[in-house]
């Protein structure tokens, strides 16, 4: 038995009118609460927490995330630096 999200995906693939009607709920900038309400009105019981919308705003990076980040150098000329010839 398909989940509600799977059922929604199948219905969206098959029905262009449904895609157009639900477009405001499925956009990247959609509010999850409003999107959930619009989907509920269309017959899909999908809570806001389960919607695969864009991630919320910026968040702090954890230690595991920081371990994946690589550093680099941005070569800028500093006219008072004796190391200008290195770049």
Protein backbone atom coordinates (compact mmCIF):
# COMPACT_ATOMS: atom_id res chain seq x y z
CA UNK A 1 0.00 0.00 0.00
CA UNK A 2 1.57 3.29 -1.04
CA UNK A 3 2.19 6.05 1.45
CA UNK A 4 0.41 9.38 1.07
CA UNK A 5 3.51 10.99 -0.47
CA UNK A 6 3.85 8.13 -2.98
CA UNK A 7 0.15 8.43 -3.82
CA UNK A 8 0.55 12.19 -4.28
CA UNK A 9 3.54 11.67 -6.60
CA UNK A 10 1.64 9.12 -8.69
CA UNK A 11 -1.39 11.38 -8.93
CA UNK A 12 0.74 14.40 -9.86
CA UNK A 13 2.46 12.40 -12.61
CA UNK A 14 -0.89 11.37 -14.07
CA UNK A 15 -2.94 14.58 -13.67
CA UNK A 16 -1.77 17.93 -15.07
CA UNK A 17 -4.78 19.77 -13.60
CA UNK A 18 -3.86 18.52 -10.12
CA UNK A 19 -0.24 19.67 -10.64
CA UNK A 20 -1.47 23.13 -11.57
CA UNK A 21 -3.91 23.31 -8.64
CA UNK A 22 -1.27 22.20 -6.10
CA UNK A 23 1.64 24.20 -7.56
CA UNK A 24 1.54 26.82 -4.75
CA UNK A 25 1.88 24.04 -2.15
CA UNK A 26 4.74 22.33 -3.94
CA UNK A 27 7.00 25.29 -4.70
CA UNK A 28 10.44 25.61 -3.14
CA UNK A 29 9.39 28.66 -1.13
CA UNK A 30 6.09 27.18 0.09
CA UNK A 31 5.24 27.41 3.77
CA UNK A 32 5.01 23.82 5.06
CA UNK A 33 1.93 24.54 7.18
CA UNK A 34 0.03 26.19 4.33
CA UNK A 35 1.17 23.48 1.92
CA UNK A 36 -0.08 20.78 4.26
CA UNK A 37 -3.45 22.51 4.57
CA UNK A 38 -3.81 22.81 0.79
CA UNK A 39 -2.85 19.16 0.32
CA UNK A 40 -5.31 18.12 3.05
CA UNK A 41 -8.07 20.03 1.23
CA UNK A 42 -7.16 18.09 -1.92
CA UNK A 43 -7.50 14.76 -0.08
CA UNK A 44 -3.90 14.02 0.95
CA UNK A 45 -3.19 13.57 4.67
CA UNK A 46 0.46 14.64 4.69
CA UNK A 47 1.70 16.47 7.82
CA UNK A 48 3.93 19.51 7.35
CA UNK A 49 6.91 17.66 8.89
CA UNK A 50 6.83 15.04 6.13
CA UNK A 51 6.77 17.44 3.19
CA UNK A 52 9.99 17.35 1.16
CA UNK A 53 10.13 21.12 0.72
CA UNK A 54 13.19 23.32 0.75
CA UNK A 55 15.22 23.21 3.94
CA UNK A 56 14.56 25.94 6.49
CA UNK A 57 16.94 28.88 6.77
CA UNK A 58 20.58 28.74 7.77
CA UNK A 59 21.63 26.50 10.60
CA UNK A 60 24.78 26.01 12.62
CA UNK A 61 27.15 23.38 11.31
CA UNK A 62 27.89 20.47 13.61
CA UNK A 63 31.25 18.79 14.05
CA UNK A 64 30.45 16.14 11.43
CA UNK A 65 29.48 18.84 8.91
CA UNK A 66 32.61 20.85 9.62
CA UNK A 67 34.76 17.76 9.07
CA UNK A 68 33.48 17.65 5.47
CA UNK A 69 34.49 21.26 4.71
CA UNK A 70 37.76 21.93 2.89
CA UNK A 71 39.67 25.16 3.26
CA UNK A 72 41.31 27.20 0.56
CA UNK A 73 43.24 30.32 -0.26
CA UNK A 74 41.93 33.48 -1.83
CA UNK A 75 44.98 35.20 -3.26
CA UNK A 76 44.73 38.93 -2.78
CA UNK A 77 47.53 41.36 -3.36
CA UNK A 78 48.62 43.10 -0.19
CA UNK A 79 50.98 45.84 -1.23
CA UNK A 80 52.73 45.79 2.12
CA UNK A 81 53.28 42.04 2.23
CA UNK A 82 56.69 40.56 1.40
CA UNK A 83 54.86 37.41 0.22
CA UNK A 84 53.14 38.99 -2.83
CA UNK A 85 55.46 37.13 -5.21
CA UNK A 86 54.18 33.78 -3.95
CA UNK A 87 50.74 34.24 -5.52
